[in-house]
Structure formats: structure tokens, C-alpha cells
Amino acid sequence: MTNKKLKKTISIRSSVIIYFTVAMLTTVILIGSIIFSNWISSTIDITQKTAKDINFEITYQINNYLDTSEKINEDNYILIENNIVNMKEDGIRNQFLIGILQNHSEYIDSFAYATESGELYGIRKSIHNSFELYKYDSSTKGKIIYYSYDENSGTQRTKTLDSRYDPRESNWY
């Protein structure tokens, strides 16, 4: 008799609820694992594609920067070498240098030309994004003279460095 009391019968309603709950949990776990595995796979694909795109963009920008600098040097070498631009004449030289930096200021912040005799003419962007011309030749008596450039007022002498400088001894020459 005691065995009969211990044995409880499960009602149909309870068995349906248990069966439905187990089926729902199994379905949710199965669908969740499918979604999670696809999500991880797609995340890996997206990450790899993004890394590839960023790598391509960085490589493109570096190559563009280097190609632009090289092209600027090649083009201006031809102009200077063939005396199309007279680097001895201040006005022409300054306009030439200003034009280079204005047209290519996205890629370069300075441009200089040194001669075989040790003369140096150049332009650079200052910290205030304005242009600063400089020259070192026989007229400067061994000094590097800097000029600020303003479109309205032209060039104005700003400072003089009293130092013996030979651009031919620089690494970039």
C-alpha cells in the first residue's frame, strides 16, 4: 500500500506543460546556437573586410603622399634645370615657391632648392599655417634670412639666423 501512495500519477495537463517547456527550451537553445555561430562567423568576416579596407586606404594614402612628393620634385627640377624659373630673382623665385606650397599643402609642408654652390632657397608652413620663405646665398652674407608671406602685404623679413650653413652637407641634399 505504501508503494501505491508514493506513486503519483502525472496529469495530462502537467505532461503537456513539461513537454511544451522542454520543446521550447530545446528550440530556443538550438536557434540561439545557430544564430550565435552565424553571428561570430559574420563578425569575423566583417572584421577581416574592414581590416583589408583600412589597409588598402592607408597604403593608398602613403603611396599618394610619396608619389606626390616625387612628382613635385621631378616637375620642379625640370622647371629649374631648364631655367624656366629664375631662382636668382627674388620675386619670381618667391612666387614659384609660394605656388608649390599653395598647390600641394595637403601633402607637403616645406620645399627647398639648394644649388651646387651652396645657395639655399625654400618655403615652409609655419605653426600658424602661414608661409615662411627663407634664403641663404651670397647676398645674405652667411646668414639664413626668413621672410613671412602674407597675400595682402607680400613678404616681410622676420628673422635672421647667424650661422654658417652649407645645404650640401645635409642628408637631404
C-alpha atoms as a PDB file:
ATOM      1  CA  MET A   1       0.000   0.000   0.000  1.00  0.00           C
ATOM      2  CA  THR A   2       2.703   2.416   0.705  1.00  0.00           C
ATOM      3  CA  ASN A   3       4.068   1.906  -2.785  1.00  0.00           C
ATOM      4  CA  LYS A   4       0.795   2.998  -4.256  1.00  0.00           C
ATOM      5  CA  LYS A   5       0.743   6.146  -2.164  1.00  0.00           C
ATOM      6  CA  LEU A   6       4.259   7.082  -3.242  1.00  0.00           C
ATOM      7  CA  LYS A   7       3.436   6.590  -6.864  1.00  0.00           C
ATOM      8  CA  LYS A   8       1.821   9.726  -8.094  1.00  0.00           C
ATOM      9  CA  THR A   9       0.347   9.999 -11.426  1.00  0.00           C
ATOM     10  CA  ILE A  10       1.147  12.934 -13.602  1.00  0.00           C
ATOM     11  CA  SER A  11      -1.849  14.539 -15.093  1.00  0.00           C
ATOM     12  CA  ILE A  12      -2.152  15.071 -18.839  1.00  0.00           C
ATOM     13  CA  ARG A  13      -2.072  18.790 -18.300  1.00  0.00           C
ATOM     14  CA  SER A  14       1.241  18.590 -16.427  1.00  0.00           C
ATOM     15  CA  SER A  15       2.774  16.323 -19.059  1.00  0.00           C
ATOM     16  CA  VAL A  16       1.742  18.724 -21.836  1.00  0.00           C
ATOM     17  CA  ILE A  17       3.285  21.654 -19.919  1.00  0.00           C
ATOM     18  CA  ILE A  18       6.512  19.710 -19.293  1.00  0.00           C
ATOM     19  CA  TYR A  19       6.683  18.548 -22.911  1.00  0.00           C
ATOM     20  CA  PHE A  20       5.970  22.080 -24.207  1.00  0.00           C
ATOM     21  CA  THR A  21       8.592  23.611 -21.864  1.00  0.00           C
ATOM     22  CA  VAL A  22      11.256  21.073 -22.883  1.00  0.00           C
ATOM     23  CA  ALA A  23      10.408  21.560 -26.572  1.00  0.00           C
ATOM     24  CA  MET A  24      10.575  25.362 -26.222  1.00  0.00           C
ATOM     25  CA  LEU A  25      13.897  25.255 -24.363  1.00  0.00           C
ATOM     26  CA  THR A  26      15.346  22.880 -26.937  1.00  0.00           C
ATOM     27  CA  THR A  27      14.120  25.074 -29.783  1.00  0.00           C
ATOM     28  CA  VAL A  28      15.462  28.277 -28.167  1.00  0.00           C
ATOM     29  CA  ILE A  29      18.839  26.656 -27.459  1.00  0.00           C
ATOM     30  CA  LEU A  30      19.061  25.255 -30.997  1.00  0.00           C
ATOM     31  CA  ILE A  31      18.070  28.546 -32.672  1.00  0.00           C
ATOM     32  CA  GLY A  32      20.350  30.510 -30.301  1.00  0.00           C
ATOM     33  CA  SER A  33      23.344  28.322 -31.093  1.00  0.00           C
ATOM     34  CA  ILE A  34      22.706  28.651 -34.852  1.00  0.00           C
ATOM     35  CA  ILE A  35      22.348  32.426 -34.592  1.00  0.00           C
ATOM     36  CA  PHE A  36      25.406  32.748 -32.331  1.00  0.00           C
ATOM     37  CA  SER A  37      27.637  30.661 -34.616  1.00  0.00           C
ATOM     38  CA  ASN A  38      26.495  32.620 -37.692  1.00  0.00           C
ATOM     39  CA  TRP A  39      26.932  35.892 -35.811  1.00  0.00           C
ATOM     40  CA  ILE A  40      30.514  35.008 -34.866  1.00  0.00           C
ATOM     41  CA  SER A  41      31.235  33.921 -38.435  1.00  0.00           C
ATOM     42  CA  SER A  42      29.790  37.127 -39.864  1.00  0.00           C
ATOM     43  CA  THR A  43      31.649  39.229 -37.261  1.00  0.00           C
ATOM     44  CA  ILE A  44      34.925  37.621 -38.307  1.00  0.00           C
ATOM     45  CA  ASP A  45      34.122  38.263 -41.986  1.00  0.00           C
ATOM     46  CA  ILE A  46      33.191  41.909 -41.313  1.00  0.00           C
ATOM     47  CA  THR A  47      36.340  42.436 -39.212  1.00  0.00           C
ATOM     48  CA  GLN A  48      38.556  40.944 -41.921  1.00  0.00           C
ATOM     49  CA  LYS A  49      36.877  43.042 -44.637  1.00  0.00           C
ATOM     50  CA  THR A  50      37.204  46.211 -42.535  1.00  0.00           C
ATOM     51  CA  ALA A  51      40.879  45.488 -41.823  1.00  0.00           C
ATOM     52  CA  LYS A  52      41.502  44.886 -45.527  1.00  0.00           C
ATOM     53  CA  ASP A  53      39.734  48.155 -46.471  1.00  0.00           C
ATOM     54  CA  ILE A  54      41.654  50.148 -43.853  1.00  0.00           C
ATOM     55  CA  ASN A  55      44.929  48.586 -45.002  1.00  0.00           C
ATOM     56  CA  PHE A  56      44.131  49.478 -48.606  1.00  0.00           C
ATOM     57  CA  GLU A  57      43.236  53.064 -47.669  1.00  0.00           C
ATOM     58  CA  ILE A  58      46.399  53.569 -45.599  1.00  0.00           C
ATOM     59  CA  THR A  59      48.562  52.071 -48.349  1.00  0.00           C
ATOM     60  CA  TYR A  60      46.826  54.302 -50.909  1.00  0.00           C
ATOM     61  CA  GLN A  61      47.404  57.424 -48.824  1.00  0.00           C
ATOM     62  CA  ILE A  62      51.085  56.585 -48.219  1.00  0.00           C
ATOM     63  CA  ASN A  63      51.664  55.869 -51.902  1.00  0.00           C
ATOM     64  CA  ASN A  64      49.788  59.031 -52.875  1.00  0.00           C
ATOM     65  CA  TYR A  65      51.910  61.056 -50.453  1.00  0.00           C
ATOM     66  CA  LEU A  66      55.164  59.585 -51.759  1.00  0.00           C
ATOM     67  CA  ASP A  67      54.100  59.810 -55.408  1.00  0.00           C
ATOM     68  CA  THR A  68      53.019  63.421 -54.968  1.00  0.00           C
ATOM     69  CA  SER A  69      56.316  64.402 -53.340  1.00  0.00           C
ATOM     70  CA  GLU A  70      58.275  62.624 -56.043  1.00  0.00           C
ATOM     71  CA  LYS A  71      56.159  64.201 -58.810  1.00  0.00           C
ATOM     72  CA  ILE A  72      56.601  67.670 -57.284  1.00  0.00           C
ATOM     73  CA  ASN A  73      60.380  67.175 -57.216  1.00  0.00           C
ATOM     74  CA  GLU A  74      60.515  65.847 -60.792  1.00  0.00           C
ATOM     75  CA  ASP A  75      58.324  68.605 -62.241  1.00  0.00           C
ATOM     76  CA  ASN A  76      60.099  71.427 -60.449  1.00  0.00           C
ATOM     77  CA  TYR A  77      63.539  70.012 -61.219  1.00  0.00           C
ATOM     78  CA  ILE A  78      62.704  70.309 -64.914  1.00  0.00           C
ATOM     79  CA  LEU A  79      61.496  73.904 -64.467  1.00  0.00           C
ATOM     80  CA  ILE A  80      64.569  74.945 -62.512  1.00  0.00           C
ATOM     81  CA  GLU A  81      67.118  72.973 -64.541  1.00  0.00           C
ATOM     82  CA  ASN A  82      65.856  74.428 -67.829  1.00  0.00           C
ATOM     83  CA  ASN A  83      65.875  77.973 -66.340  1.00  0.00           C
ATOM     84  CA  ILE A  84      62.145  78.344 -66.870  1.00  0.00           C
ATOM     85  CA  VAL A  85      62.117  79.688 -63.313  1.00  0.00           C
ATOM     86  CA  ASN A  86      64.977  82.039 -62.490  1.00  0.00           C
ATOM     87  CA  MET A  87      65.870  81.151 -58.896  1.00  0.00           C
ATOM     88  CA  LYS A  88      68.214  84.166 -58.642  1.00  0.00           C
ATOM     89  CA  GLU A  89      65.384  86.690 -58.996  1.00  0.00           C
ATOM     90  CA  ASP A  90      63.579  87.175 -55.670  1.00  0.00           C
ATOM     91  CA  GLY A  91      60.088  87.976 -56.985  1.00  0.00           C
ATOM     92  CA  ILE A  92      59.910  85.106 -59.477  1.00  0.00           C
ATOM     93  CA  ARG A  93      61.503  82.643 -57.051  1.00  0.00           C
ATOM     94  CA  ASN A  94      59.171  83.617 -54.200  1.00  0.00           C
ATOM     95  CA  GLN A  95      56.048  83.298 -56.353  1.00  0.00           C
ATOM     96  CA  PHE A  96      57.303  79.937 -57.617  1.00  0.00           C
ATOM     97  CA  LEU A  97      57.901  78.616 -54.093  1.00  0.00           C
ATOM     98  CA  ILE A  98      54.610  80.008 -52.788  1.00  0.00           C
ATOM     99  CA  GLY A  99      52.768  78.388 -55.698  1.00  0.00           C
ATOM    100  CA  ILE A 100      54.289  74.993 -54.919  1.00  0.00           C
ATOM    101  CA  LEU A 101      53.193  75.079 -51.301  1.00  0.00           C
ATOM    102  CA  GLN A 102      49.756  76.536 -52.055  1.00  0.00           C
ATOM    103  CA  ASN A 103      49.039  73.842 -54.633  1.00  0.00           C
ATOM    104  CA  HIS A 104      50.384  70.941 -52.609  1.00  0.00           C
ATOM    105  CA  SER A 105      49.977  71.995 -48.976  1.00  0.00           C
ATOM    106  CA  GLU A 106      47.855  68.925 -48.269  1.00  0.00           C
ATOM    107  CA  TYR A 107      50.868  66.684 -48.825  1.00  0.00           C
ATOM    108  CA  ILE A 108      53.954  68.750 -48.028  1.00  0.00           C
ATOM    109  CA  ASP A 109      54.816  71.444 -45.515  1.00  0.00           C
ATOM    110  CA  SER A 110      58.134  72.620 -46.936  1.00  0.00           C
ATOM    111  CA  PHE A 111      60.058  72.789 -50.172  1.00  0.00           C
ATOM    112  CA  ALA A 112      63.673  73.831 -50.657  1.00  0.00           C
ATOM    113  CA  TYR A 113      66.116  74.145 -53.513  1.00  0.00           C
ATOM    114  CA  ALA A 114      69.867  74.024 -52.974  1.00  0.00           C
ATOM    115  CA  THR A 115      72.440  74.758 -55.638  1.00  0.00           C
ATOM    116  CA  GLU A 116      75.801  73.166 -56.230  1.00  0.00           C
ATOM    117  CA  SER A 117      77.451  76.356 -54.976  1.00  0.00           C
ATOM    118  CA  GLY A 118      75.680  76.098 -51.586  1.00  0.00           C
ATOM    119  CA  GLU A 119      72.808  78.537 -52.089  1.00  0.00           C
ATOM    120  CA  LEU A 120      69.508  77.614 -50.462  1.00  0.00           C
ATOM    121  CA  TYR A 121      66.019  78.873 -51.281  1.00  0.00           C
ATOM    122  CA  GLY A 122      62.918  77.475 -49.656  1.00  0.00           C
ATOM    123  CA  ILE A 123      59.494  77.852 -48.164  1.00  0.00           C
ATOM    124  CA  ARG A 124      57.791  76.224 -45.214  1.00  0.00           C
ATOM    125  CA  LYS A 125      54.488  76.317 -43.418  1.00  0.00           C
ATOM    126  CA  SER A 126      54.690  78.000 -40.040  1.00  0.00           C
ATOM    127  CA  ILE A 127      52.860  76.768 -36.966  1.00  0.00           C
ATOM    128  CA  HIS A 128      50.117  79.294 -37.759  1.00  0.00           C
ATOM    129  CA  ASN A 129      49.618  77.780 -41.242  1.00  0.00           C
ATOM    130  CA  SER A 130      51.120  80.824 -42.937  1.00  0.00           C
ATOM    131  CA  PHE A 131      54.086  80.647 -45.293  1.00  0.00           C
ATOM    132  CA  GLU A 132      57.667  81.477 -44.425  1.00  0.00           C
ATOM    133  CA  LEU A 133      60.244  81.918 -47.185  1.00  0.00           C
ATOM    134  CA  TYR A 134      63.958  81.588 -46.494  1.00  0.00           C
ATOM    135  CA  LYS A 135      67.172  82.055 -48.387  1.00  0.00           C
ATOM    136  CA  TYR A 136      70.876  81.606 -47.935  1.00  0.00           C
ATOM    137  CA  ASP A 137      73.144  82.936 -50.659  1.00  0.00           C
ATOM    138  CA  SER A 138      75.952  85.425 -51.198  1.00  0.00           C
ATOM    139  CA  SER A 139      73.578  88.368 -50.604  1.00  0.00           C
ATOM    140  CA  THR A 140      72.785  87.161 -47.070  1.00  0.00           C
ATOM    141  CA  LYS A 141      76.490  87.186 -46.044  1.00  0.00           C
ATOM    142  CA  GLY A 142      76.472  83.778 -44.352  1.00  0.00           C
ATOM    143  CA  LYS A 143      73.093  84.133 -42.692  1.00  0.00           C
ATOM    144  CA  ILE A 144      69.779  82.407 -43.285  1.00  0.00           C
ATOM    145  CA  ILE A 145      67.093  85.063 -43.682  1.00  0.00           C
ATOM    146  CA  TYR A 146      63.430  84.220 -43.129  1.00  0.00           C
ATOM    147  CA  TYR A 147      60.519  86.171 -44.593  1.00  0.00           C
ATOM    148  CA  SER A 148      56.885  85.831 -43.672  1.00  0.00           C
ATOM    149  CA  TYR A 149      54.442  85.873 -46.548  1.00  0.00           C
ATOM    150  CA  ASP A 150      51.044  87.493 -46.499  1.00  0.00           C
ATOM    151  CA  GLU A 151      48.901  87.655 -49.638  1.00  0.00           C
ATOM    152  CA  ASN A 152      47.995  91.269 -48.884  1.00  0.00           C
ATOM    153  CA  SER A 153      51.349  92.692 -47.835  1.00  0.00           C
ATOM    154  CA  GLY A 154      53.749  90.343 -49.650  1.00  0.00           C
ATOM    155  CA  THR A 155      56.990  89.318 -47.972  1.00  0.00           C
ATOM    156  CA  GLN A 156      58.387  90.814 -44.794  1.00  0.00           C
ATOM    157  CA  ARG A 157      61.689  89.988 -43.140  1.00  0.00           C
ATOM    158  CA  THR A 158      61.010  88.248 -39.849  1.00  0.00           C
ATOM    159  CA  LYS A 159      64.276  86.817 -38.543  1.00  0.00           C
ATOM    160  CA  THR A 160      67.880  86.165 -39.377  1.00  0.00           C
ATOM    161  CA  LEU A 161      69.902  83.173 -38.240  1.00  0.00           C
ATOM    162  CA  ASP A 162      73.575  83.987 -37.960  1.00  0.00           C
ATOM    163  CA  SER A 163      75.076  80.624 -38.688  1.00  0.00           C
ATOM    164  CA  ARG A 164      77.328  79.177 -41.289  1.00  0.00           C
ATOM    165  CA  TYR A 165      75.191  76.700 -43.153  1.00  0.00           C
ATOM    166  CA  ASP A 166      76.005  74.611 -46.153  1.00  0.00           C
ATOM    167  CA  PRO A 167      72.967  72.741 -47.500  1.00  0.00           C
ATOM    168  CA  ARG A 168      75.279  70.409 -49.430  1.00  0.00           C
ATOM    169  CA  GLU A 169      76.280  68.843 -46.108  1.00  0.00           C
ATOM    170  CA  SER A 170      72.676  67.964 -45.236  1.00  0.00           C
ATOM    171  CA  ASN A 171      71.378  64.415 -45.607  1.00  0.00           C
ATOM    172  CA  TRP A 172      68.617  65.503 -47.966  1.00  0.00           C
ATOM    173  CA  TYR A 173      70.961  67.188 -50.461  1.00  0.00           C
END
